[in-house]
Amino acid sequence: MSNAAVTFSAVPKQYVLARNAQVVYEPSVFAGTGTERRVNIVLQVHDDPRGHLKAIEDAQGLGNALCSVIRDDGSVKAKLDLDTVRVFNAEHQRVEAPVTWKNSTIHVLLEVRGHWKSRSGAGLSVLCTDIQLCADPTPVVSPFL
């Protein structure tokens, strides 16, 4: 490992398909301004994709410092690059990314690009490359109506 604060090691690309994933929160970054284009997305997924990601983490031998992409509540955290992600509607046509993501049901292709290590932690680098919107997200209604 070099003297850099964080080092990244690429691995042969692996893909995990999560069907009918539920977006838990609006994609964002910690202490962000809201203008970021690369954000975190948290997904509630079924057991198969979660097990596949766990197996990939275990194979990397990241040890006790592991910052798992699988959160304590079973949800999965990944990166979402709003400039490069390909978004499709239910009819498999390319569409613009939705303005509101929270509570959307999506099919998502997750790409495991490698793993990162720092002095205090280590984890997988997982990016959403393709998303299919299963239905239009429910619009947020003002509680003041």
N, C-alpha and C. Protein backbone atom coordinates (compact mmCIF):
# COMPACT_ATOMS: atom_id res chain seq x y z
N MET A 1 0.84 -1.18 0.00
CA MET A 1 0.00 0.00 0.00
C MET A 1 0.89 1.24 0.00
N SER A 2 0.49 2.26 -0.71
CA SER A 2 1.29 3.48 -0.81
C SER A 2 1.03 4.38 0.39
N ASN A 3 1.62 5.56 0.39
CA ASN A 3 1.44 6.52 1.47
C ASN A 3 0.20 7.38 1.30
N ALA A 4 -0.59 7.13 0.27
CA ALA A 4 -1.81 7.91 0.04
C ALA A 4 -2.81 7.64 1.17
N ALA A 5 -3.69 8.61 1.42
CA ALA A 5 -4.69 8.46 2.46
C ALA A 5 -5.63 7.30 2.15
N VAL A 6 -5.97 7.15 0.90
CA VAL A 6 -6.83 6.06 0.46
C VAL A 6 -6.23 5.45 -0.80
N THR A 7 -6.15 4.14 -0.83
CA THR A 7 -5.67 3.47 -2.04
C THR A 7 -6.82 2.67 -2.64
N PHE A 8 -6.78 2.53 -3.95
CA PHE A 8 -7.81 1.80 -4.67
C PHE A 8 -7.15 0.67 -5.44
N SER A 9 -7.74 -0.51 -5.36
CA SER A 9 -7.27 -1.66 -6.14
C SER A 9 -8.41 -2.14 -7.02
N ALA A 10 -8.16 -2.11 -8.32
CA ALA A 10 -9.18 -2.59 -9.26
C ALA A 10 -9.24 -4.11 -9.20
N VAL A 11 -10.41 -4.63 -9.47
CA VAL A 11 -10.60 -6.08 -9.59
C VAL A 11 -11.30 -6.32 -10.92
N PRO A 12 -11.22 -7.54 -11.45
CA PRO A 12 -12.00 -7.80 -12.66
C PRO A 12 -13.46 -7.44 -12.40
N LYS A 13 -14.04 -6.70 -13.32
CA LYS A 13 -15.40 -6.21 -13.11
C LYS A 13 -16.38 -7.36 -12.89
N GLN A 14 -17.20 -7.17 -11.88
CA GLN A 14 -18.26 -8.13 -11.57
C GLN A 14 -19.56 -7.35 -11.50
N TYR A 15 -20.64 -7.97 -11.92
CA TYR A 15 -21.93 -7.29 -11.95
C TYR A 15 -22.93 -8.05 -11.09
N VAL A 16 -23.77 -7.28 -10.42
CA VAL A 16 -24.84 -7.83 -9.60
C VAL A 16 -26.13 -7.15 -10.04
N LEU A 17 -27.13 -7.94 -10.41
CA LEU A 17 -28.42 -7.40 -10.82
C LEU A 17 -29.38 -7.52 -9.66
N ALA A 18 -29.94 -6.38 -9.26
CA ALA A 18 -30.94 -6.36 -8.18
C ALA A 18 -32.27 -5.94 -8.79
N ARG A 19 -33.22 -6.85 -8.76
CA ARG A 19 -34.55 -6.56 -9.30
C ARG A 19 -35.47 -6.11 -8.18
N ASN A 20 -36.37 -5.21 -8.52
CA ASN A 20 -37.38 -4.70 -7.58
C ASN A 20 -36.75 -4.14 -6.31
N ALA A 21 -35.66 -3.41 -6.48
CA ALA A 21 -35.03 -2.73 -5.35
C ALA A 21 -35.81 -1.46 -5.04
N GLN A 22 -35.89 -1.14 -3.78
CA GLN A 22 -36.61 0.07 -3.35
C GLN A 22 -35.56 1.12 -2.95
N VAL A 23 -35.68 2.33 -3.50
CA VAL A 23 -34.77 3.41 -3.13
C VAL A 23 -35.22 3.94 -1.77
N VAL A 24 -34.33 3.86 -0.78
CA VAL A 24 -34.68 4.19 0.60
C VAL A 24 -34.68 5.69 0.85
N TYR A 25 -33.66 6.39 0.36
CA TYR A 25 -33.52 7.83 0.58
C TYR A 25 -33.23 8.51 -0.76
N GLU A 26 -33.41 9.81 -0.79
CA GLU A 26 -32.96 10.56 -1.96
C GLU A 26 -31.44 10.42 -2.05
N PRO A 27 -30.89 10.13 -3.22
CA PRO A 27 -29.44 10.04 -3.36
C PRO A 27 -28.77 11.36 -2.96
N SER A 28 -27.69 11.25 -2.17
CA SER A 28 -27.02 12.45 -1.66
C SER A 28 -25.60 12.10 -1.22
N VAL A 29 -24.89 13.09 -0.74
CA VAL A 29 -23.57 12.90 -0.14
C VAL A 29 -23.56 13.60 1.22
N PHE A 30 -22.71 13.12 2.10
CA PHE A 30 -22.59 13.72 3.43
C PHE A 30 -22.11 15.16 3.30
N ALA A 31 -22.78 16.06 3.96
CA ALA A 31 -22.42 17.49 3.99
C ALA A 31 -22.37 18.09 2.59
N GLY A 32 -23.23 17.58 1.71
CA GLY A 32 -23.26 18.08 0.34
C GLY A 32 -24.07 19.36 0.21
N THR A 33 -23.96 19.95 -0.96
CA THR A 33 -24.69 21.19 -1.25
C THR A 33 -25.95 20.92 -2.07
N GLY A 34 -26.09 19.69 -2.56
CA GLY A 34 -27.23 19.36 -3.41
C GLY A 34 -26.92 19.48 -4.89
N THR A 35 -25.72 19.95 -5.22
CA THR A 35 -25.34 20.10 -6.63
C THR A 35 -24.43 18.96 -7.10
N GLU A 36 -24.10 18.02 -6.21
CA GLU A 36 -23.18 16.93 -6.55
C GLU A 36 -23.80 16.03 -7.62
N ARG A 37 -22.95 15.54 -8.50
CA ARG A 37 -23.40 14.65 -9.58
C ARG A 37 -23.06 13.19 -9.28
N ARG A 38 -22.15 12.95 -8.36
CA ARG A 38 -21.81 11.59 -7.92
C ARG A 38 -22.26 11.48 -6.47
N VAL A 39 -23.28 10.66 -6.26
CA VAL A 39 -23.94 10.61 -4.96
C VAL A 39 -24.06 9.16 -4.48
N ASN A 40 -24.42 9.01 -3.22
CA ASN A 40 -24.68 7.69 -2.65
C ASN A 40 -26.16 7.38 -2.82
N ILE A 41 -26.44 6.12 -3.12
CA ILE A 41 -27.83 5.67 -3.20
C ILE A 41 -27.95 4.45 -2.28
N VAL A 42 -29.02 4.41 -1.52
CA VAL A 42 -29.27 3.30 -0.59
C VAL A 42 -30.49 2.56 -1.09
N LEU A 43 -30.34 1.25 -1.24
CA LEU A 43 -31.38 0.40 -1.83
C LEU A 43 -31.76 -0.73 -0.88
N GLN A 44 -33.04 -0.97 -0.77
CA GLN A 44 -33.52 -2.16 -0.08
C GLN A 44 -33.62 -3.24 -1.16
N VAL A 45 -32.84 -4.30 -1.02
CA VAL A 45 -32.78 -5.34 -2.05
C VAL A 45 -33.14 -6.69 -1.44
N HIS A 46 -33.40 -7.66 -2.31
CA HIS A 46 -33.71 -9.02 -1.88
C HIS A 46 -32.42 -9.74 -1.48
N ASP A 47 -32.55 -10.93 -0.96
CA ASP A 47 -31.42 -11.67 -0.42
C ASP A 47 -30.35 -12.03 -1.45
N ASP A 48 -30.73 -12.41 -2.67
CA ASP A 48 -29.74 -12.87 -3.66
C ASP A 48 -28.67 -11.82 -3.96
N PRO A 49 -29.03 -10.58 -4.33
CA PRO A 49 -27.97 -9.60 -4.60
C PRO A 49 -27.12 -9.30 -3.35
N ARG A 50 -27.78 -9.27 -2.21
CA ARG A 50 -27.05 -9.00 -0.96
C ARG A 50 -26.04 -10.12 -0.71
N GLY A 51 -26.44 -11.38 -0.91
CA GLY A 51 -25.53 -12.50 -0.71
C GLY A 51 -24.37 -12.48 -1.69
N HIS A 52 -24.65 -12.09 -2.93
CA HIS A 52 -23.60 -12.01 -3.94
C HIS A 52 -22.57 -10.94 -3.55
N LEU A 53 -23.05 -9.77 -3.10
CA LEU A 53 -22.13 -8.71 -2.67
C LEU A 53 -21.32 -9.14 -1.45
N LYS A 54 -21.94 -9.84 -0.52
CA LYS A 54 -21.24 -10.32 0.68
C LYS A 54 -20.14 -11.30 0.28
N ALA A 55 -20.43 -12.18 -0.68
CA ALA A 55 -19.42 -13.14 -1.14
C ALA A 55 -18.24 -12.42 -1.78
N ILE A 56 -18.51 -11.37 -2.55
CA ILE A 56 -17.43 -10.59 -3.18
C ILE A 56 -16.60 -9.90 -2.10
N GLU A 57 -17.26 -9.31 -1.11
CA GLU A 57 -16.52 -8.68 -0.01
C GLU A 57 -15.63 -9.69 0.70
N ASP A 58 -16.18 -10.86 1.01
CA ASP A 58 -15.41 -11.89 1.71
C ASP A 58 -14.20 -12.32 0.89
N ALA A 59 -14.36 -12.43 -0.43
CA ALA A 59 -13.27 -12.88 -1.30
C ALA A 59 -12.13 -11.85 -1.36
N GLN A 60 -12.44 -10.59 -1.08
CA GLN A 60 -11.40 -9.54 -1.13
C GLN A 60 -10.52 -9.55 0.12
N GLY A 61 -10.92 -10.24 1.16
CA GLY A 61 -10.10 -10.32 2.38
C GLY A 61 -9.85 -8.96 3.00
N LEU A 62 -10.90 -8.17 3.17
CA LEU A 62 -10.74 -6.81 3.68
C LEU A 62 -10.63 -6.74 5.19
N GLY A 63 -10.85 -7.85 5.88
CA GLY A 63 -10.59 -7.95 7.30
C GLY A 63 -11.55 -7.20 8.19
N ASN A 64 -11.08 -6.94 9.42
CA ASN A 64 -11.92 -6.32 10.45
C ASN A 64 -12.24 -4.86 10.17
N ALA A 65 -11.49 -4.23 9.28
CA ALA A 65 -11.72 -2.81 8.97
C ALA A 65 -12.80 -2.63 7.91
N LEU A 66 -13.51 -3.72 7.55
CA LEU A 66 -14.49 -3.67 6.48
C LEU A 66 -15.60 -2.67 6.76
N CYS A 67 -15.80 -1.76 5.83
CA CYS A 67 -16.97 -0.87 5.80
C CYS A 67 -17.86 -1.46 4.71
N SER A 68 -18.73 -2.35 5.10
CA SER A 68 -19.51 -3.12 4.14
C SER A 68 -20.48 -2.24 3.36
N VAL A 69 -20.73 -2.61 2.10
CA VAL A 69 -21.76 -1.94 1.32
C VAL A 69 -23.14 -2.39 1.78
N ILE A 70 -23.17 -3.47 2.58
CA ILE A 70 -24.42 -3.96 3.16
C ILE A 70 -24.54 -3.35 4.55
N ARG A 71 -25.57 -2.56 4.72
CA ARG A 71 -25.76 -1.85 5.99
C ARG A 71 -26.41 -2.77 7.02
N ASP A 72 -26.38 -2.35 8.28
CA ASP A 72 -26.93 -3.16 9.37
C ASP A 72 -28.39 -3.53 9.15
N ASP A 73 -29.16 -2.67 8.48
CA ASP A 73 -30.58 -2.96 8.24
C ASP A 73 -30.81 -3.81 7.00
N GLY A 74 -29.72 -4.26 6.35
CA GLY A 74 -29.83 -5.11 5.17
C GLY A 74 -29.88 -4.35 3.85
N SER A 75 -29.97 -3.02 3.91
CA SER A 75 -29.96 -2.24 2.67
C SER A 75 -28.54 -2.20 2.11
N VAL A 76 -28.44 -1.81 0.85
CA VAL A 76 -27.15 -1.77 0.15
C VAL A 76 -26.86 -0.34 -0.26
N LYS A 77 -25.63 0.08 -0.04
CA LYS A 77 -25.19 1.43 -0.41
C LYS A 77 -24.26 1.33 -1.61
N ALA A 78 -24.51 2.18 -2.62
CA ALA A 78 -23.67 2.20 -3.82
C ALA A 78 -23.52 3.64 -4.29
N LYS A 79 -22.64 3.84 -5.24
CA LYS A 79 -22.47 5.15 -5.86
C LYS A 79 -23.38 5.26 -7.07
N LEU A 80 -23.83 6.46 -7.33
CA LEU A 80 -24.67 6.76 -8.48
C LEU A 80 -24.10 8.01 -9.13
N ASP A 81 -23.59 7.87 -10.35
CA ASP A 81 -23.07 9.01 -11.11
C ASP A 81 -24.18 9.47 -12.04
N LEU A 82 -24.78 10.59 -11.73
CA LEU A 82 -25.94 11.08 -12.47
C LEU A 82 -25.60 11.47 -13.91
N ASP A 83 -24.32 11.65 -14.21
CA ASP A 83 -23.91 12.00 -15.57
C ASP A 83 -23.68 10.79 -16.46
N THR A 84 -23.46 9.61 -15.86
CA THR A 84 -23.15 8.44 -16.67
C THR A 84 -24.16 7.30 -16.55
N VAL A 85 -24.98 7.29 -15.51
CA VAL A 85 -25.93 6.20 -15.35
C VAL A 85 -26.93 6.21 -16.50
N ARG A 86 -27.25 5.02 -16.98
CA ARG A 86 -28.25 4.90 -18.04
C ARG A 86 -29.57 4.50 -17.38
N VAL A 87 -30.61 5.29 -17.65
CA VAL A 87 -31.91 5.08 -17.02
C VAL A 87 -32.91 4.70 -18.11
N PHE A 88 -33.69 3.67 -17.82
CA PHE A 88 -34.69 3.16 -18.75
C PHE A 88 -36.06 3.14 -18.07
N ASN A 89 -37.11 3.27 -18.87
CA ASN A 89 -38.46 3.15 -18.32
C ASN A 89 -38.88 1.67 -18.37
N ALA A 90 -40.11 1.40 -17.97
CA ALA A 90 -40.61 0.02 -17.92
C ALA A 90 -40.68 -0.60 -19.32
N GLU A 91 -40.73 0.24 -20.36
CA GLU A 91 -40.78 -0.25 -21.74
C GLU A 91 -39.39 -0.35 -22.36
N HIS A 92 -38.35 -0.26 -21.57
CA HIS A 92 -36.95 -0.41 -21.98
C HIS A 92 -36.45 0.72 -22.88
N GLN A 93 -37.05 1.89 -22.76
CA GLN A 93 -36.61 3.05 -23.53
C GLN A 93 -35.78 3.96 -22.61
N ARG A 94 -34.70 4.56 -23.19
CA ARG A 94 -33.88 5.48 -22.40
C ARG A 94 -34.70 6.70 -22.03
N VAL A 95 -34.58 7.11 -20.76
CA VAL A 95 -35.29 8.28 -20.26
C VAL A 95 -34.34 9.07 -19.37
N GLU A 96 -34.72 10.28 -19.05
CA GLU A 96 -33.96 11.10 -18.11
C GLU A 96 -34.10 10.53 -16.70
N ALA A 97 -33.12 10.76 -15.89
CA ALA A 97 -33.19 10.33 -14.48
C ALA A 97 -34.32 11.09 -13.80
N PRO A 98 -35.03 10.45 -12.90
CA PRO A 98 -36.12 11.15 -12.22
C PRO A 98 -35.59 12.23 -11.29
N VAL A 99 -36.42 13.21 -11.03
CA VAL A 99 -36.04 14.27 -10.09
C VAL A 99 -36.11 13.74 -8.67
N THR A 100 -37.09 12.91 -8.40
CA THR A 100 -37.29 12.31 -7.08
C THR A 100 -37.08 10.80 -7.18
N TRP A 101 -36.17 10.28 -6.36
CA TRP A 101 -35.85 8.85 -6.37
C TRP A 101 -36.49 8.09 -5.22
N LYS A 102 -36.63 8.73 -4.07
CA LYS A 102 -37.07 8.05 -2.85
C LYS A 102 -38.37 7.29 -3.09
N ASN A 103 -38.41 6.05 -2.60
CA ASN A 103 -39.55 5.13 -2.70
C ASN A 103 -39.78 4.58 -4.10
N SER A 104 -38.90 4.88 -5.05
CA SER A 104 -39.02 4.30 -6.39
C SER A 104 -38.64 2.82 -6.33
N THR A 105 -39.31 2.01 -7.13
CA THR A 105 -38.94 0.62 -7.30
C THR A 105 -38.19 0.53 -8.63
N ILE A 106 -36.98 -0.04 -8.56
CA ILE A 106 -36.12 -0.08 -9.73
C ILE A 106 -35.47 -1.45 -9.87
N HIS A 107 -35.04 -1.75 -11.09
CA HIS A 107 -34.09 -2.83 -11.34
C HIS A 107 -32.76 -2.09 -11.53
N VAL A 108 -31.71 -2.57 -10.90
CA VAL A 108 -30.44 -1.86 -10.96
C VAL A 108 -29.30 -2.84 -11.21
N LEU A 109 -28.40 -2.45 -12.11
CA LEU A 109 -27.20 -3.22 -12.37
C LEU A 109 -26.06 -2.56 -11.60
N LEU A 110 -25.49 -3.31 -10.66
CA LEU A 110 -24.40 -2.81 -9.82
C LEU A 110 -23.08 -3.37 -10.34
N GLU A 111 -22.12 -2.51 -10.54
CA GLU A 111 -20.80 -2.93 -11.00
C GLU A 111 -19.81 -2.82 -9.85
N VAL A 112 -19.18 -3.94 -9.50
CA VAL A 112 -18.13 -3.93 -8.49
C VAL A 112 -16.84 -3.62 -9.22
N ARG A 113 -16.26 -2.45 -8.93
CA ARG A 113 -15.07 -2.00 -9.67
C ARG A 113 -13.76 -2.34 -8.97
N GLY A 114 -13.81 -2.53 -7.67
CA GLY A 114 -12.59 -2.80 -6.92
C GLY A 114 -12.84 -2.59 -5.45
N HIS A 115 -11.75 -2.39 -4.71
CA HIS A 115 -11.90 -2.08 -3.29
C HIS A 115 -10.92 -0.98 -2.91
N TRP A 116 -11.30 -0.26 -1.87
CA TRP A 116 -10.49 0.83 -1.36
C TRP A 116 -10.02 0.47 0.05
N LYS A 117 -8.89 1.06 0.44
CA LYS A 117 -8.37 0.86 1.80
C LYS A 117 -7.81 2.17 2.31
N SER A 118 -8.05 2.40 3.57
CA SER A 118 -7.45 3.54 4.27
C SER A 118 -6.90 3.02 5.60
N ARG A 119 -6.34 3.90 6.39
CA ARG A 119 -5.79 3.47 7.67
C ARG A 119 -6.88 2.90 8.58
N SER A 120 -8.10 3.43 8.46
CA SER A 120 -9.16 3.03 9.40
C SER A 120 -10.27 2.18 8.79
N GLY A 121 -10.23 1.92 7.49
CA GLY A 121 -11.32 1.15 6.89
C GLY A 121 -10.99 0.63 5.52
N ALA A 122 -11.88 -0.21 5.03
CA ALA A 122 -11.74 -0.78 3.69
C ALA A 122 -13.12 -1.20 3.23
N GLY A 123 -13.32 -1.21 1.90
CA GLY A 123 -14.62 -1.62 1.39
C GLY A 123 -14.62 -1.73 -0.12
N LEU A 124 -15.74 -2.20 -0.65
CA LEU A 124 -15.92 -2.33 -2.09
C LEU A 124 -16.28 -1.00 -2.71
N SER A 125 -15.90 -0.83 -3.95
CA SER A 125 -16.35 0.30 -4.77
C SER A 125 -17.43 -0.25 -5.69
N VAL A 126 -18.69 0.16 -5.45
CA VAL A 126 -19.84 -0.35 -6.20
C VAL A 126 -20.55 0.82 -6.85
N LEU A 127 -20.78 0.72 -8.15
CA LEU A 127 -21.40 1.79 -8.93
C LEU A 127 -22.65 1.29 -9.64
N CYS A 128 -23.71 2.07 -9.60
CA CYS A 128 -24.92 1.78 -10.39
C CYS A 128 -24.63 2.20 -11.82
N THR A 129 -24.67 1.25 -12.75
CA THR A 129 -24.40 1.59 -14.15
C THR A 129 -25.67 1.75 -14.96
N ASP A 130 -26.69 0.95 -14.64
CA ASP A 130 -27.94 0.96 -15.39
C ASP A 130 -29.11 0.80 -14.43
N ILE A 131 -30.16 1.56 -14.67
CA ILE A 131 -31.35 1.52 -13.82
C ILE A 131 -32.58 1.47 -14.71
N GLN A 132 -33.50 0.58 -14.36
CA GLN A 132 -34.79 0.56 -15.03
C GLN A 132 -35.84 0.93 -14.00
N LEU A 133 -36.61 1.97 -14.31
CA LEU A 133 -37.69 2.40 -13.44
C LEU A 133 -38.86 1.44 -13.64
N CYS A 134 -39.31 0.80 -12.58
CA CYS A 134 -40.40 -0.16 -12.70
C CYS A 134 -41.75 0.53 -12.85
N ALA A 135 -41.86 1.70 -12.30
CA ALA A 135 -43.08 2.51 -12.41
C ALA A 135 -42.67 3.94 -12.12
N ASP A 136 -43.50 4.87 -12.54
CA ASP A 136 -43.20 6.26 -12.22
C ASP A 136 -43.25 6.45 -10.72
N PRO A 137 -42.26 7.17 -10.15
CA PRO A 137 -42.27 7.40 -8.72
C PRO A 137 -43.52 8.19 -8.31
N THR A 138 -44.02 7.89 -7.13
CA THR A 138 -45.17 8.62 -6.61
C THR A 138 -44.75 10.04 -6.32
N PRO A 139 -45.47 11.03 -6.85
CA PRO A 139 -45.08 12.42 -6.59
C PRO A 139 -45.23 12.75 -5.11
N VAL A 140 -44.34 13.62 -4.65
CA VAL A 140 -44.41 14.07 -3.26
C VAL A 140 -45.50 15.12 -3.17
N VAL A 141 -46.42 14.90 -2.26
CA VAL A 141 -47.55 15.83 -2.09
C VAL A 141 -47.29 16.66 -0.84
N SER A 142 -47.54 17.93 -0.97
CA SER A 142 -47.35 18.84 0.15
C SER A 142 -48.29 18.46 1.29
N PRO A 143 -47.77 18.42 2.51
CA PRO A 143 -48.64 18.10 3.66
C PRO A 143 -49.58 19.27 4.00
N PHE A 144 -49.42 20.39 3.31
CA PHE A 144 -50.20 21.58 3.63
C PHE A 144 -51.44 21.73 2.73
N LEU A 145 -51.67 20.76 1.86
CA LEU A 145 -52.85 20.83 0.99
C LEU A 145 -54.09 20.44 1.74
